[in-house]
Amino acid sequence: MSKNEENFEELMEKLEEITGKLEADKLTLDESVKLFEEGMQISKKCNEKLEDAEKRITILLKTNDEVKEENFVPEG
């Protein structure tokens, strides 16, 4: 991750800030749409980060005194 790339928590804080502005402030339609678009872009980045994290998660199973690595498969 580069120094300029925000982590998941920073992106979530920005998304919460945008949500607060959209809920509380009296914005023009154009301002609201612009904030909504920005929020959607941030949401997409968050989703990508979550998907990348899920791909990296592995389950280690011990089988016959041997460690076996398998890909993480979410339940449900």
C-alpha atoms as a PDB file:
ATOM      1  CA  MET A   1       0.000   0.000   0.000  1.00  0.00           C
ATOM      2  CA  SER A   2       1.421   3.372  -0.991  1.00  0.00           C
ATOM      3  CA  LYS A   3       1.652   6.233   1.484  1.00  0.00           C
ATOM      4  CA  ASN A   4      -1.129   8.120  -0.315  1.00  0.00           C
ATOM      5  CA  GLU A   5      -3.532   5.165  -0.371  1.00  0.00           C
ATOM      6  CA  GLU A   6      -6.039   5.289   2.445  1.00  0.00           C
ATOM      7  CA  ASN A   7      -6.734   2.266   4.577  1.00  0.00           C
ATOM      8  CA  PHE A   8     -10.172   0.775   5.140  1.00  0.00           C
ATOM      9  CA  GLU A   9     -10.743   2.624   8.408  1.00  0.00           C
ATOM     10  CA  GLU A  10      -9.877   6.007   6.878  1.00  0.00           C
ATOM     11  CA  LEU A  11     -12.232   5.346   3.979  1.00  0.00           C
ATOM     12  CA  MET A  12     -15.025   4.375   6.378  1.00  0.00           C
ATOM     13  CA  GLU A  13     -14.505   7.609   8.339  1.00  0.00           C
ATOM     14  CA  LYS A  14     -14.848   9.609   5.112  1.00  0.00           C
ATOM     15  CA  LEU A  15     -17.977   7.672   4.204  1.00  0.00           C
ATOM     16  CA  GLU A  16     -19.489   8.371   7.627  1.00  0.00           C
ATOM     17  CA  GLU A  17     -18.650  12.062   7.258  1.00  0.00           C
ATOM     18  CA  ILE A  18     -20.370  12.205   3.873  1.00  0.00           C
ATOM     19  CA  THR A  19     -23.403  10.375   5.244  1.00  0.00           C
ATOM     20  CA  GLY A  20     -23.622  12.872   8.098  1.00  0.00           C
ATOM     21  CA  LYS A  21     -23.481  15.802   5.698  1.00  0.00           C
ATOM     22  CA  LEU A  22     -26.161  14.302   3.490  1.00  0.00           C
ATOM     23  CA  GLU A  23     -28.422  13.702   6.490  1.00  0.00           C
ATOM     24  CA  ALA A  24     -27.856  16.969   8.362  1.00  0.00           C
ATOM     25  CA  ASP A  25     -26.882  19.796   6.051  1.00  0.00           C
ATOM     26  CA  LYS A  26     -29.201  21.736   3.836  1.00  0.00           C
ATOM     27  CA  LEU A  27     -27.482  21.075   0.548  1.00  0.00           C
ATOM     28  CA  THR A  28     -28.439  21.949  -2.971  1.00  0.00           C
ATOM     29  CA  LEU A  29     -29.371  19.104  -5.267  1.00  0.00           C
ATOM     30  CA  ASP A  30     -26.040  19.434  -7.090  1.00  0.00           C
ATOM     31  CA  GLU A  31     -24.087  19.323  -3.807  1.00  0.00           C
ATOM     32  CA  SER A  32     -26.063  16.301  -2.642  1.00  0.00           C
ATOM     33  CA  VAL A  33     -25.483  14.447  -5.910  1.00  0.00           C
ATOM     34  CA  LYS A  34     -21.761  15.249  -5.814  1.00  0.00           C
ATOM     35  CA  LEU A  35     -21.459  13.957  -2.234  1.00  0.00           C
ATOM     36  CA  PHE A  36     -23.499  10.879  -3.107  1.00  0.00           C
ATOM     37  CA  GLU A  37     -21.196  10.106  -6.058  1.00  0.00           C
ATOM     38  CA  GLU A  38     -18.134  10.553  -3.846  1.00  0.00           C
ATOM     39  CA  GLY A  39     -19.690   8.264  -1.243  1.00  0.00           C
ATOM     40  CA  MET A  40     -20.389   5.606  -3.847  1.00  0.00           C
ATOM     41  CA  GLN A  41     -16.759   5.721  -5.036  1.00  0.00           C
ATOM     42  CA  ILE A  42     -15.522   5.369  -1.457  1.00  0.00           C
ATOM     43  CA  SER A  43     -17.983   2.533  -0.854  1.00  0.00           C
ATOM     44  CA  LYS A  44     -16.620   0.741  -3.923  1.00  0.00           C
ATOM     45  CA  LYS A  45     -13.043   1.119  -2.626  1.00  0.00           C
ATOM     46  CA  CYS A  46     -14.118  -0.272   0.769  1.00  0.00           C
ATOM     47  CA  ASN A  47     -15.763  -3.233  -0.907  1.00  0.00           C
ATOM     48  CA  GLU A  48     -12.626  -3.903  -2.959  1.00  0.00           C
ATOM     49  CA  LYS A  49     -10.481  -3.805   0.181  1.00  0.00           C
ATOM     50  CA  LEU A  50     -12.823  -6.243   1.926  1.00  0.00           C
ATOM     51  CA  GLU A  51     -12.761  -8.591  -1.064  1.00  0.00           C
ATOM     52  CA  ASP A  52      -8.947  -8.437  -1.163  1.00  0.00           C
ATOM     53  CA  ALA A  53      -8.772  -9.227   2.550  1.00  0.00           C
ATOM     54  CA  GLU A  54     -11.156 -12.165   2.117  1.00  0.00           C
ATOM     55  CA  LYS A  55      -8.987 -13.553  -0.674  1.00  0.00           C
ATOM     56  CA  ARG A  56      -5.926 -13.444   1.602  1.00  0.00           C
ATOM     57  CA  ILE A  57      -7.595 -15.238   4.498  1.00  0.00           C
ATOM     58  CA  THR A  58      -6.738 -18.893   4.714  1.00  0.00           C
ATOM     59  CA  ILE A  59      -7.747 -21.638   7.074  1.00  0.00           C
ATOM     60  CA  LEU A  60      -5.027 -23.835   8.447  1.00  0.00           C
ATOM     61  CA  LEU A  61      -6.102 -27.375   9.109  1.00  0.00           C
ATOM     62  CA  LYS A  62      -4.003 -29.860  10.943  1.00  0.00           C
ATOM     63  CA  THR A  63      -4.208 -33.251   9.267  1.00  0.00           C
ATOM     64  CA  ASN A  64      -2.018 -36.147  10.395  1.00  0.00           C
ATOM     65  CA  ASP A  65       0.485 -33.828  12.105  1.00  0.00           C
ATOM     66  CA  GLU A  66       0.756 -31.945   8.843  1.00  0.00           C
ATOM     67  CA  VAL A  67      -0.420 -28.370   8.288  1.00  0.00           C
ATOM     68  CA  LYS A  68      -2.665 -27.992   5.292  1.00  0.00           C
ATOM     69  CA  GLU A  69      -3.604 -24.593   3.891  1.00  0.00           C
ATOM     70  CA  GLU A  70      -6.958 -24.065   2.193  1.00  0.00           C
ATOM     71  CA  ASN A  71      -8.695 -21.017   0.784  1.00  0.00           C
ATOM     72  CA  PHE A  72     -11.224 -19.336   3.024  1.00  0.00           C
ATOM     73  CA  VAL A  73     -14.817 -20.109   2.052  1.00  0.00           C
ATOM     74  CA  PRO A  74     -17.406 -17.910   3.806  1.00  0.00           C
ATOM     75  CA  GLU A  75     -20.494 -19.611   5.199  1.00  0.00           C
ATOM     76  CA  GLY A  76     -23.927 -18.597   3.995  1.00  0.00           C
END
